[in-house]
Amino acid sequence: MAVAAICVILSSCGGIGTTAGSASSNNGSVLGGILGAVANGQTIAGVIGSVLGTDKPSESDLVGTWKYSQPGVAFTSENTLAKAGGEAMATQIKNKLQDSYKKVGFSSSNTYLTLNSDKSFTGKIDGKTLSGTWTYDASDCKVNLKTLLFSINCYAKKTSTGMSFLMESKKLLTLLQTAASLTGNTTLQTIGDLSQNYDGVRIGFDMAK
């Protein structure tokens, strides 16, 4: 039954929204605290560097084995990132996620993705094995990973050290919580604030070859 549950969640992951808005700051939320600590006025270069769809990767760029290095964060528009406080906002969110990811136990050995040129893929997420086929829509940087039981939609973004693979934040965090429960790892129960949706933000994994 637990396997069925994670399959349903995985099949619903992904989905970049088309509405750009400022990040919400609900009382007590992690995002609200970050917004209160970050000043506006970042450079345009910094803003563009953390926006999905800039410097789009080609299909050939994606081929290879990508190993987890740190949490990945990107914004859905330049306007959203600028309002949120620029590059510093992305850094603050990464720092918050880093603690939670460490609790789960992500590492380069248990979280990786191999995209082959024949459109097959293999990989692991926190040690859970995945395999199947993949497709890529370069127009919106969407990668679809299809297994026998479900599909995962994520979004690729070039970074200075490799590639980010990102999802809508609440979907990813729900997936991580479910994955943790399957292994008896209850540490993610302590990150309720991070389950709040980051409006206009996509999170996931920064990976390197």
N, C-alpha and C. Protein backbone atom coordinates (compact mmCIF):
# COMPACT_ATOMS: atom_id res chain seq x y z
N MET A 1 0.84 -1.20 0.00
CA MET A 1 0.00 0.00 0.00
C MET A 1 0.87 1.25 0.00
N ALA A 2 2.01 1.17 0.74
CA ALA A 2 2.92 2.31 0.78
C ALA A 2 3.53 2.57 -0.58
N VAL A 3 3.85 1.48 -1.31
CA VAL A 3 4.40 1.64 -2.65
C VAL A 3 3.40 2.32 -3.57
N ALA A 4 2.15 1.93 -3.46
CA ALA A 4 1.10 2.56 -4.28
C ALA A 4 0.99 4.04 -3.98
N ALA A 5 1.13 4.38 -2.70
CA ALA A 5 1.01 5.80 -2.31
C ALA A 5 2.11 6.63 -2.93
N ILE A 6 3.34 6.12 -2.88
CA ILE A 6 4.44 6.91 -3.44
C ILE A 6 4.33 7.01 -4.95
N CYS A 7 3.76 5.98 -5.59
CA CYS A 7 3.57 6.03 -7.05
C CYS A 7 2.61 7.15 -7.42
N VAL A 8 1.53 7.30 -6.63
CA VAL A 8 0.56 8.36 -6.91
C VAL A 8 1.21 9.72 -6.76
N ILE A 9 2.02 9.87 -5.72
CA ILE A 9 2.68 11.16 -5.48
C ILE A 9 3.67 11.46 -6.58
N LEU A 10 4.46 10.45 -6.97
CA LEU A 10 5.45 10.65 -8.02
C LEU A 10 4.80 11.05 -9.33
N SER A 11 3.66 10.45 -9.62
CA SER A 11 3.00 10.73 -10.90
C SER A 11 2.49 12.16 -10.97
N SER A 12 2.33 12.80 -9.82
CA SER A 12 1.81 14.17 -9.82
C SER A 12 2.90 15.21 -9.65
N CYS A 13 4.16 14.80 -9.56
CA CYS A 13 5.24 15.75 -9.31
C CYS A 13 5.50 16.60 -10.53
N GLY A 14 5.97 17.83 -10.28
CA GLY A 14 6.36 18.73 -11.36
C GLY A 14 5.28 19.74 -11.65
N GLY A 15 5.47 20.52 -12.74
CA GLY A 15 4.47 21.48 -13.16
C GLY A 15 4.85 22.90 -12.86
N ILE A 16 5.48 23.58 -13.81
CA ILE A 16 5.82 24.98 -13.62
C ILE A 16 4.58 25.82 -13.87
N GLY A 17 4.22 26.66 -12.91
CA GLY A 17 3.08 27.54 -13.07
C GLY A 17 3.42 28.70 -13.97
N THR A 18 2.43 29.29 -14.59
CA THR A 18 2.67 30.40 -15.50
C THR A 18 2.46 31.75 -14.84
N THR A 19 1.94 31.72 -13.60
CA THR A 19 1.69 32.98 -12.91
C THR A 19 2.89 33.35 -12.07
N ALA A 20 3.45 34.54 -12.30
CA ALA A 20 4.58 35.01 -11.53
C ALA A 20 4.09 35.94 -10.45
N GLY A 21 4.45 35.62 -9.20
CA GLY A 21 4.03 36.49 -8.10
C GLY A 21 5.11 36.55 -7.08
N SER A 22 5.00 37.44 -6.14
CA SER A 22 5.99 37.52 -5.08
C SER A 22 5.81 36.36 -4.13
N ALA A 23 6.91 35.96 -3.47
CA ALA A 23 6.85 34.83 -2.56
C ALA A 23 5.99 35.19 -1.36
N SER A 24 5.16 34.23 -0.95
CA SER A 24 4.28 34.50 0.18
C SER A 24 5.07 34.45 1.48
N SER A 25 4.58 35.15 2.49
CA SER A 25 5.28 35.18 3.77
C SER A 25 4.30 34.95 4.90
N ASN A 26 3.74 33.72 4.97
CA ASN A 26 2.78 33.39 6.00
C ASN A 26 3.46 33.46 7.36
N ASN A 27 2.70 33.89 8.40
CA ASN A 27 3.26 33.99 9.74
C ASN A 27 3.82 32.65 10.17
N GLY A 28 5.06 32.68 10.66
CA GLY A 28 5.67 31.46 11.16
C GLY A 28 6.31 30.61 10.10
N SER A 29 6.15 30.91 8.84
CA SER A 29 6.71 30.06 7.80
C SER A 29 8.18 30.36 7.60
N VAL A 30 8.91 29.36 7.13
CA VAL A 30 10.33 29.54 6.84
C VAL A 30 10.52 30.62 5.80
N LEU A 31 9.67 30.59 4.77
CA LEU A 31 9.81 31.57 3.70
C LEU A 31 9.59 32.98 4.24
N GLY A 32 8.63 33.14 5.14
CA GLY A 32 8.39 34.46 5.70
C GLY A 32 9.61 34.97 6.44
N GLY A 33 10.29 34.07 7.17
CA GLY A 33 11.49 34.47 7.88
C GLY A 33 12.61 34.87 6.94
N ILE A 34 12.72 34.14 5.84
CA ILE A 34 13.76 34.46 4.86
C ILE A 34 13.50 35.82 4.25
N LEU A 35 12.25 36.07 3.87
CA LEU A 35 11.92 37.35 3.24
C LEU A 35 12.22 38.52 4.18
N GLY A 36 12.01 38.29 5.47
CA GLY A 36 12.26 39.36 6.42
C GLY A 36 13.73 39.65 6.60
N ALA A 37 14.59 38.67 6.24
CA ALA A 37 16.02 38.82 6.47
C ALA A 37 16.80 39.23 5.23
N VAL A 38 16.14 39.22 4.06
CA VAL A 38 16.85 39.48 2.81
C VAL A 38 16.45 40.84 2.25
N ALA A 39 17.41 41.62 1.85
CA ALA A 39 17.13 42.95 1.29
C ALA A 39 17.00 42.88 -0.21
N ASN A 40 16.20 43.78 -0.79
CA ASN A 40 16.08 43.87 -2.23
C ASN A 40 17.30 44.58 -2.80
N GLY A 41 17.37 44.70 -4.16
CA GLY A 41 18.44 45.46 -4.78
C GLY A 41 19.56 44.62 -5.34
N GLN A 42 19.31 43.32 -5.60
CA GLN A 42 20.35 42.49 -6.21
C GLN A 42 20.59 42.91 -7.66
N THR A 43 21.76 42.57 -8.19
CA THR A 43 22.08 42.92 -9.56
C THR A 43 21.25 42.10 -10.53
N ILE A 44 21.08 42.62 -11.75
CA ILE A 44 20.34 41.90 -12.78
C ILE A 44 21.01 40.57 -13.09
N ALA A 45 22.33 40.54 -13.09
CA ALA A 45 23.05 39.29 -13.37
C ALA A 45 22.71 38.23 -12.34
N GLY A 46 22.62 38.65 -11.07
CA GLY A 46 22.27 37.70 -10.02
C GLY A 46 20.86 37.20 -10.15
N VAL A 47 19.96 38.08 -10.53
CA VAL A 47 18.56 37.70 -10.71
C VAL A 47 18.43 36.67 -11.82
N ILE A 48 18.98 36.97 -12.97
CA ILE A 48 18.85 36.08 -14.12
C ILE A 48 19.47 34.71 -13.84
N GLY A 49 20.54 34.69 -13.06
CA GLY A 49 21.24 33.44 -12.79
C GLY A 49 20.43 32.41 -12.06
N SER A 50 19.36 32.82 -11.36
CA SER A 50 18.54 31.88 -10.61
C SER A 50 17.13 31.72 -11.18
N VAL A 51 16.97 32.01 -12.46
CA VAL A 51 15.66 31.91 -13.10
C VAL A 51 15.63 30.73 -14.07
N LEU A 52 14.58 29.92 -13.96
CA LEU A 52 14.40 28.81 -14.89
C LEU A 52 14.23 29.33 -16.31
N GLY A 53 14.81 28.62 -17.28
CA GLY A 53 14.63 28.98 -18.67
C GLY A 53 15.73 29.86 -19.22
N THR A 54 16.64 30.34 -18.36
CA THR A 54 17.78 31.10 -18.86
C THR A 54 18.92 30.14 -19.13
N ASP A 55 19.61 30.36 -20.25
CA ASP A 55 20.70 29.46 -20.66
C ASP A 55 20.20 28.02 -20.67
N LYS A 56 19.18 27.76 -21.48
CA LYS A 56 18.53 26.45 -21.50
C LYS A 56 19.49 25.34 -21.91
N PRO A 57 19.49 24.22 -21.19
CA PRO A 57 20.33 23.09 -21.60
C PRO A 57 19.76 22.41 -22.85
N SER A 58 20.64 21.93 -23.69
CA SER A 58 20.21 21.14 -24.85
C SER A 58 20.02 19.70 -24.40
N GLU A 59 19.42 18.90 -25.26
CA GLU A 59 19.22 17.49 -24.92
C GLU A 59 20.56 16.79 -24.69
N SER A 60 21.55 17.09 -25.53
CA SER A 60 22.86 16.46 -25.38
C SER A 60 23.54 16.88 -24.08
N ASP A 61 23.23 18.08 -23.58
CA ASP A 61 23.80 18.54 -22.31
C ASP A 61 23.36 17.65 -21.15
N LEU A 62 22.19 17.03 -21.27
CA LEU A 62 21.63 16.26 -20.18
C LEU A 62 22.21 14.85 -20.09
N VAL A 63 22.76 14.34 -21.17
CA VAL A 63 23.26 12.96 -21.20
C VAL A 63 24.46 12.81 -20.27
N GLY A 64 24.42 11.76 -19.45
CA GLY A 64 25.51 11.48 -18.53
C GLY A 64 24.98 11.08 -17.17
N THR A 65 25.89 10.87 -16.24
CA THR A 65 25.52 10.53 -14.87
C THR A 65 25.68 11.75 -13.98
N TRP A 66 24.59 12.12 -13.32
CA TRP A 66 24.55 13.30 -12.46
C TRP A 66 24.39 12.86 -11.02
N LYS A 67 25.31 13.30 -10.17
CA LYS A 67 25.32 12.91 -8.76
C LYS A 67 24.97 14.10 -7.87
N TYR A 68 24.18 13.81 -6.85
CA TYR A 68 23.74 14.86 -5.92
C TYR A 68 24.92 15.60 -5.30
N SER A 69 24.83 16.92 -5.26
CA SER A 69 25.86 17.72 -4.59
C SER A 69 25.27 18.62 -3.50
N GLN A 70 24.08 19.21 -3.77
CA GLN A 70 23.44 20.08 -2.78
C GLN A 70 22.00 20.35 -3.22
N PRO A 71 21.19 20.98 -2.35
CA PRO A 71 19.84 21.35 -2.78
C PRO A 71 19.88 22.31 -3.95
N GLY A 72 18.89 22.21 -4.83
CA GLY A 72 18.78 23.11 -5.97
C GLY A 72 17.57 24.02 -5.82
N VAL A 73 17.72 25.26 -6.24
CA VAL A 73 16.64 26.25 -6.15
C VAL A 73 16.64 27.12 -7.40
N ALA A 74 15.46 27.40 -7.94
CA ALA A 74 15.34 28.35 -9.06
C ALA A 74 13.96 29.00 -9.00
N PHE A 75 13.85 30.16 -9.61
CA PHE A 75 12.60 30.91 -9.65
C PHE A 75 11.98 30.82 -11.04
N THR A 76 10.66 31.00 -11.11
CA THR A 76 9.97 30.83 -12.37
C THR A 76 9.99 32.06 -13.26
N SER A 77 10.43 33.18 -12.73
CA SER A 77 10.53 34.38 -13.55
C SER A 77 11.51 35.36 -12.92
N GLU A 78 12.05 36.26 -13.75
CA GLU A 78 12.95 37.29 -13.24
C GLU A 78 12.20 38.21 -12.28
N ASN A 79 10.93 38.48 -12.58
CA ASN A 79 10.13 39.37 -11.74
C ASN A 79 9.96 38.79 -10.34
N THR A 80 9.68 37.48 -10.27
CA THR A 80 9.50 36.83 -8.97
C THR A 80 10.77 36.89 -8.15
N LEU A 81 11.90 36.58 -8.75
CA LEU A 81 13.16 36.59 -8.03
C LEU A 81 13.54 38.00 -7.59
N ALA A 82 13.32 38.96 -8.45
CA ALA A 82 13.66 40.34 -8.10
C ALA A 82 12.86 40.81 -6.89
N LYS A 83 11.57 40.49 -6.88
CA LYS A 83 10.73 40.89 -5.75
C LYS A 83 11.13 40.15 -4.47
N ALA A 84 11.60 38.93 -4.62
CA ALA A 84 11.96 38.13 -3.45
C ALA A 84 13.28 38.56 -2.83
N GLY A 85 14.08 39.31 -3.56
CA GLY A 85 15.33 39.77 -2.99
C GLY A 85 16.55 39.29 -3.74
N GLY A 86 16.37 38.74 -4.93
CA GLY A 86 17.50 38.39 -5.77
C GLY A 86 18.20 37.11 -5.39
N GLU A 87 19.46 37.02 -5.77
CA GLU A 87 20.26 35.81 -5.58
C GLU A 87 20.35 35.40 -4.11
N ALA A 88 20.35 36.38 -3.21
CA ALA A 88 20.44 36.07 -1.79
C ALA A 88 19.27 35.22 -1.32
N MET A 89 18.11 35.42 -1.94
CA MET A 89 16.93 34.64 -1.58
C MET A 89 17.16 33.16 -1.88
N ALA A 90 17.70 32.87 -3.06
CA ALA A 90 17.98 31.49 -3.44
C ALA A 90 18.98 30.86 -2.48
N THR A 91 19.98 31.63 -2.09
CA THR A 91 20.99 31.13 -1.16
C THR A 91 20.38 30.82 0.20
N GLN A 92 19.50 31.70 0.68
CA GLN A 92 18.85 31.48 1.96
C GLN A 92 17.98 30.22 1.95
N ILE A 93 17.25 30.02 0.86
CA ILE A 93 16.40 28.82 0.77
C ILE A 93 17.27 27.57 0.73
N LYS A 94 18.37 27.62 -0.03
CA LYS A 94 19.28 26.47 -0.08
C LYS A 94 19.80 26.12 1.30
N ASN A 95 20.14 27.13 2.07
CA ASN A 95 20.66 26.88 3.42
C ASN A 95 19.63 26.19 4.29
N LYS A 96 18.37 26.62 4.17
CA LYS A 96 17.30 25.98 4.94
C LYS A 96 17.11 24.53 4.50
N LEU A 97 17.13 24.31 3.19
CA LEU A 97 16.93 22.95 2.67
C LEU A 97 18.09 22.03 3.01
N GLN A 98 19.30 22.59 3.08
CA GLN A 98 20.48 21.79 3.35
C GLN A 98 20.33 20.99 4.64
N ASP A 99 19.83 21.62 5.68
CA ASP A 99 19.65 20.93 6.96
C ASP A 99 18.67 19.78 6.83
N SER A 100 17.57 20.02 6.12
CA SER A 100 16.55 18.98 5.96
C SER A 100 17.06 17.83 5.09
N TYR A 101 17.79 18.16 4.02
CA TYR A 101 18.33 17.13 3.15
C TYR A 101 19.34 16.26 3.90
N LYS A 102 20.10 16.87 4.81
CA LYS A 102 21.06 16.09 5.60
C LYS A 102 20.34 15.10 6.50
N LYS A 103 19.20 15.52 7.04
CA LYS A 103 18.42 14.62 7.89
C LYS A 103 17.93 13.41 7.12
N VAL A 104 17.57 13.62 5.86
CA VAL A 104 17.13 12.50 5.03
C VAL A 104 18.31 11.59 4.69
N GLY A 105 19.48 12.18 4.52
CA GLY A 105 20.67 11.40 4.23
C GLY A 105 21.07 11.38 2.77
N PHE A 106 20.68 12.40 1.98
CA PHE A 106 21.07 12.44 0.58
C PHE A 106 22.59 12.52 0.44
N SER A 107 23.12 11.78 -0.53
CA SER A 107 24.55 11.82 -0.82
C SER A 107 24.76 11.52 -2.29
N SER A 108 25.99 11.71 -2.76
CA SER A 108 26.28 11.43 -4.16
C SER A 108 26.19 9.94 -4.47
N SER A 109 26.28 9.09 -3.45
CA SER A 109 26.22 7.64 -3.68
C SER A 109 24.80 7.09 -3.66
N ASN A 110 23.86 7.77 -2.99
CA ASN A 110 22.50 7.23 -2.93
C ASN A 110 21.47 8.06 -3.70
N THR A 111 21.91 9.19 -4.29
CA THR A 111 21.00 10.01 -5.08
C THR A 111 21.72 10.45 -6.35
N TYR A 112 21.36 9.84 -7.46
CA TYR A 112 22.00 10.17 -8.73
C TYR A 112 21.07 9.80 -9.88
N LEU A 113 21.39 10.30 -11.06
CA LEU A 113 20.56 10.08 -12.24
C LEU A 113 21.46 9.92 -13.46
N THR A 114 21.28 8.82 -14.18
CA THR A 114 22.02 8.58 -15.42
C THR A 114 21.06 8.65 -16.60
N LEU A 115 21.24 9.66 -17.44
CA LEU A 115 20.44 9.81 -18.65
C LEU A 115 21.27 9.36 -19.84
N ASN A 116 20.82 8.32 -20.51
CA ASN A 116 21.56 7.75 -21.64
C ASN A 116 21.08 8.33 -22.97
N SER A 117 21.95 8.31 -23.96
CA SER A 117 21.62 8.88 -25.27
C SER A 117 20.55 8.08 -25.98
N ASP A 118 20.33 6.80 -25.59
CA ASP A 118 19.28 5.99 -26.20
C ASP A 118 17.92 6.22 -25.55
N LYS A 119 17.84 7.24 -24.68
CA LYS A 119 16.61 7.64 -23.98
C LYS A 119 16.21 6.71 -22.84
N SER A 120 17.12 5.87 -22.39
CA SER A 120 16.87 5.10 -21.17
C SER A 120 17.51 5.84 -20.00
N PHE A 121 17.04 5.56 -18.80
CA PHE A 121 17.66 6.16 -17.62
C PHE A 121 17.66 5.18 -16.46
N THR A 122 18.59 5.38 -15.56
CA THR A 122 18.64 4.67 -14.28
C THR A 122 19.00 5.70 -13.22
N GLY A 123 18.72 5.38 -11.98
CA GLY A 123 19.09 6.31 -10.92
C GLY A 123 18.55 5.88 -9.58
N LYS A 124 18.86 6.67 -8.57
CA LYS A 124 18.35 6.44 -7.23
C LYS A 124 17.98 7.79 -6.59
N ILE A 125 16.94 7.77 -5.76
CA ILE A 125 16.59 8.91 -4.93
C ILE A 125 16.62 8.41 -3.49
N ASP A 126 17.60 8.86 -2.72
CA ASP A 126 17.79 8.39 -1.35
C ASP A 126 17.84 6.87 -1.29
N GLY A 127 18.49 6.27 -2.28
CA GLY A 127 18.67 4.82 -2.31
C GLY A 127 17.55 4.05 -2.96
N LYS A 128 16.45 4.73 -3.33
CA LYS A 128 15.34 4.04 -4.00
C LYS A 128 15.61 4.01 -5.50
N THR A 129 15.70 2.83 -6.08
CA THR A 129 16.10 2.67 -7.48
C THR A 129 14.97 3.02 -8.44
N LEU A 130 15.31 3.75 -9.49
CA LEU A 130 14.39 4.09 -10.57
C LEU A 130 15.04 3.72 -11.90
N SER A 131 14.22 3.33 -12.86
CA SER A 131 14.72 3.07 -14.21
C SER A 131 13.57 3.17 -15.19
N GLY A 132 13.90 3.49 -16.44
CA GLY A 132 12.88 3.61 -17.46
C GLY A 132 13.38 4.40 -18.64
N THR A 133 12.52 5.24 -19.21
CA THR A 133 12.90 6.05 -20.37
C THR A 133 12.67 7.52 -20.05
N TRP A 134 13.31 8.39 -20.83
CA TRP A 134 13.18 9.82 -20.59
C TRP A 134 12.98 10.58 -21.90
N THR A 135 12.31 11.71 -21.79
CA THR A 135 12.15 12.63 -22.91
C THR A 135 12.45 14.03 -22.40
N TYR A 136 12.71 14.94 -23.36
CA TYR A 136 13.05 16.31 -22.97
C TYR A 136 12.39 17.29 -23.91
N ASP A 137 11.69 18.27 -23.33
CA ASP A 137 11.08 19.35 -24.09
C ASP A 137 11.93 20.59 -23.86
N ALA A 138 12.76 20.93 -24.84
CA ALA A 138 13.70 22.03 -24.69
C ALA A 138 13.01 23.38 -24.58
N SER A 139 11.77 23.49 -25.05
CA SER A 139 11.07 24.78 -25.02
C SER A 139 10.81 25.26 -23.61
N ASP A 140 10.52 24.33 -22.68
CA ASP A 140 10.31 24.74 -21.29
C ASP A 140 11.23 23.99 -20.33
N CYS A 141 12.28 23.34 -20.88
CA CYS A 141 13.30 22.66 -20.06
C CYS A 141 12.73 21.52 -19.23
N LYS A 142 11.64 20.90 -19.69
CA LYS A 142 10.99 19.85 -18.91
C LYS A 142 11.53 18.47 -19.27
N VAL A 143 11.95 17.75 -18.23
CA VAL A 143 12.40 16.37 -18.37
C VAL A 143 11.31 15.46 -17.82
N ASN A 144 10.91 14.46 -18.60
CA ASN A 144 9.93 13.49 -18.14
C ASN A 144 10.62 12.14 -17.98
N LEU A 145 10.62 11.63 -16.76
CA LEU A 145 11.18 10.31 -16.46
C LEU A 145 10.02 9.33 -16.32
N LYS A 146 9.98 8.35 -17.20
CA LYS A 146 8.85 7.42 -17.22
C LYS A 146 9.31 6.02 -16.85
N THR A 147 8.72 5.47 -15.79
CA THR A 147 8.98 4.10 -15.39
C THR A 147 7.76 3.25 -15.76
N LEU A 148 7.79 1.98 -15.40
CA LEU A 148 6.66 1.10 -15.71
C LEU A 148 5.40 1.50 -14.94
N LEU A 149 5.57 2.14 -13.78
CA LEU A 149 4.44 2.43 -12.91
C LEU A 149 4.03 3.89 -12.84
N PHE A 150 4.95 4.81 -13.13
CA PHE A 150 4.63 6.22 -12.96
C PHE A 150 5.60 7.07 -13.76
N SER A 151 5.29 8.36 -13.83
CA SER A 151 6.16 9.33 -14.49
C SER A 151 6.50 10.46 -13.52
N ILE A 152 7.69 10.99 -13.65
CA ILE A 152 8.13 12.13 -12.85
C ILE A 152 8.48 13.27 -13.79
N ASN A 153 7.87 14.42 -13.60
CA ASN A 153 8.23 15.61 -14.36
C ASN A 153 9.13 16.50 -13.52
N CYS A 154 10.26 16.89 -14.09
CA CYS A 154 11.13 17.84 -13.42
C CYS A 154 11.68 18.80 -14.47
N TYR A 155 12.41 19.79 -14.02
CA TYR A 155 12.88 20.85 -14.91
C TYR A 155 14.39 21.01 -14.76
N ALA A 156 15.08 21.06 -15.89
CA ALA A 156 16.53 21.12 -15.89
C ALA A 156 17.02 22.56 -16.04
N LYS A 157 18.07 22.87 -15.30
CA LYS A 157 18.68 24.19 -15.36
C LYS A 157 20.19 24.06 -15.23
N LYS A 158 20.91 24.70 -16.14
CA LYS A 158 22.37 24.70 -16.04
C LYS A 158 22.82 25.47 -14.80
N THR A 159 23.87 24.97 -14.16
CA THR A 159 24.48 25.68 -13.05
C THR A 159 25.98 25.81 -13.33
N SER A 160 26.67 26.53 -12.49
CA SER A 160 28.11 26.71 -12.68
C SER A 160 28.89 25.43 -12.47
N THR A 161 28.28 24.47 -11.77
CA THR A 161 28.98 23.21 -11.48
C THR A 161 28.35 22.00 -12.14
N GLY A 162 27.22 22.17 -12.82
CA GLY A 162 26.58 21.02 -13.45
C GLY A 162 25.16 21.31 -13.88
N MET A 163 24.20 20.63 -13.26
CA MET A 163 22.80 20.74 -13.66
C MET A 163 21.90 20.63 -12.44
N SER A 164 20.83 21.43 -12.43
CA SER A 164 19.79 21.30 -11.42
C SER A 164 18.61 20.56 -12.01
N PHE A 165 18.00 19.68 -11.23
CA PHE A 165 16.76 19.02 -11.59
C PHE A 165 15.74 19.39 -10.51
N LEU A 166 14.68 20.12 -10.92
CA LEU A 166 13.82 20.82 -9.98
C LEU A 166 12.35 20.49 -10.17
N MET A 167 11.59 20.60 -9.09
CA MET A 167 10.14 20.38 -9.11
C MET A 167 9.45 21.49 -8.36
N GLU A 168 8.12 21.53 -8.49
CA GLU A 168 7.33 22.43 -7.66
C GLU A 168 7.55 22.01 -6.21
N SER A 169 7.82 22.97 -5.36
CA SER A 169 8.36 22.69 -4.03
C SER A 169 7.50 21.77 -3.18
N LYS A 170 6.20 22.03 -3.12
CA LYS A 170 5.35 21.24 -2.24
C LYS A 170 5.28 19.78 -2.70
N LYS A 171 5.30 19.55 -4.01
CA LYS A 171 5.27 18.19 -4.54
C LYS A 171 6.54 17.43 -4.15
N LEU A 172 7.69 18.09 -4.27
CA LEU A 172 8.95 17.44 -3.93
C LEU A 172 9.01 17.12 -2.44
N LEU A 173 8.62 18.06 -1.61
CA LEU A 173 8.68 17.83 -0.18
C LEU A 173 7.73 16.72 0.26
N THR A 174 6.56 16.63 -0.39
CA THR A 174 5.65 15.53 -0.09
C THR A 174 6.29 14.20 -0.48
N LEU A 175 6.96 14.19 -1.63
CA LEU A 175 7.65 12.98 -2.08
C LEU A 175 8.72 12.58 -1.07
N LEU A 176 9.51 13.53 -0.60
CA LEU A 176 10.58 13.22 0.34
C LEU A 176 10.03 12.68 1.66
N GLN A 177 8.93 13.26 2.12
CA GLN A 177 8.31 12.78 3.34
C GLN A 177 7.82 11.35 3.19
N THR A 178 7.22 11.05 2.03
CA THR A 178 6.73 9.70 1.77
C THR A 178 7.90 8.71 1.68
N ALA A 179 8.95 9.11 0.97
CA ALA A 179 10.13 8.25 0.85
C ALA A 179 10.73 7.96 2.22
N ALA A 180 10.75 8.97 3.08
CA ALA A 180 11.30 8.80 4.42
C ALA A 180 10.47 7.81 5.22
N SER A 181 9.15 7.88 5.07
CA SER A 181 8.28 6.99 5.84
C SER A 181 8.46 5.54 5.43
N LEU A 182 8.80 5.31 4.16
CA LEU A 182 8.98 3.94 3.67
C LEU A 182 10.21 3.28 4.29
N THR A 183 11.15 4.08 4.73
CA THR A 183 12.37 3.52 5.32
C THR A 183 12.40 3.70 6.84
N GLY A 184 11.29 4.18 7.40
CA GLY A 184 11.24 4.37 8.84
C GLY A 184 11.94 5.63 9.31
N ASN A 185 12.34 6.49 8.39
CA ASN A 185 13.01 7.73 8.74
C ASN A 185 11.95 8.79 9.07
N THR A 186 11.89 9.20 10.32
CA THR A 186 10.85 10.14 10.74
C THR A 186 11.37 11.57 10.90
N THR A 187 12.61 11.81 10.51
CA THR A 187 13.20 13.14 10.74
C THR A 187 12.48 14.22 9.95
N LEU A 188 11.88 13.87 8.81
CA LEU A 188 11.21 14.89 8.01
C LEU A 188 9.94 15.40 8.65
N GLN A 189 9.49 14.75 9.70
CA GLN A 189 8.30 15.26 10.39
C GLN A 189 8.58 16.60 11.06
N THR A 190 9.84 16.94 11.21
CA THR A 190 10.20 18.18 11.89
C THR A 190 10.30 19.37 10.95
N ILE A 191 10.02 19.19 9.66
CA ILE A 191 10.19 20.30 8.71
C ILE A 191 8.84 20.74 8.15
N GLY A 192 7.86 20.82 9.01
CA GLY A 192 6.52 21.22 8.57
C GLY A 192 6.50 22.56 7.86
N ASP A 193 7.32 23.50 8.32
CA ASP A 193 7.34 24.82 7.70
C ASP A 193 7.77 24.74 6.24
N LEU A 194 8.68 23.83 5.92
CA LEU A 194 9.16 23.72 4.55
C LEU A 194 8.11 23.12 3.61
N SER A 195 7.05 22.55 4.18
CA SER A 195 5.97 22.04 3.34
C SER A 195 5.09 23.16 2.82
N GLN A 196 5.27 24.37 3.35
CA GLN A 196 4.55 25.51 2.80
C GLN A 196 5.04 25.76 1.38
N ASN A 197 4.13 26.04 0.49
CA ASN A 197 4.50 26.24 -0.90
C ASN A 197 5.25 27.56 -1.10
N TYR A 198 6.40 27.49 -1.75
CA TYR A 198 7.12 28.69 -2.15
C TYR A 198 6.52 29.17 -3.47
N ASP A 199 5.84 30.29 -3.44
CA ASP A 199 5.20 30.81 -4.63
C ASP A 199 6.24 31.26 -5.64
N GLY A 200 6.26 30.63 -6.80
CA GLY A 200 7.20 31.03 -7.84
C GLY A 200 8.58 30.43 -7.70
N VAL A 201 8.73 29.41 -6.83
CA VAL A 201 10.04 28.79 -6.61
C VAL A 201 9.95 27.30 -6.96
N ARG A 202 11.02 26.79 -7.57
CA ARG A 202 11.14 25.35 -7.82
C ARG A 202 12.37 24.86 -7.08
N ILE A 203 12.27 23.72 -6.41
CA ILE A 203 13.38 23.18 -5.65
C ILE A 203 13.64 21.74 -6.04
N GLY A 204 14.84 21.27 -5.73
CA GLY A 204 15.21 19.90 -6.07
C GLY A 204 16.66 19.64 -5.73
N PHE A 205 17.41 19.22 -6.77
CA PHE A 205 18.79 18.80 -6.53
C PHE A 205 19.75 19.47 -7.51
N ASP A 206 20.83 20.03 -6.98
CA ASP A 206 21.97 20.42 -7.80
C ASP A 206 22.83 19.18 -7.95
N MET A 207 23.18 18.85 -9.20
CA MET A 207 23.95 17.64 -9.45
C MET A 207 25.17 17.95 -10.32
N ALA A 208 26.19 17.12 -10.18
CA ALA A 208 27.42 17.29 -10.94
C ALA A 208 27.88 15.96 -11.48
N LYS A 209 28.62 15.99 -12.56
CA LYS A 209 29.13 14.73 -13.14
C LYS A 209 30.40 14.31 -12.41
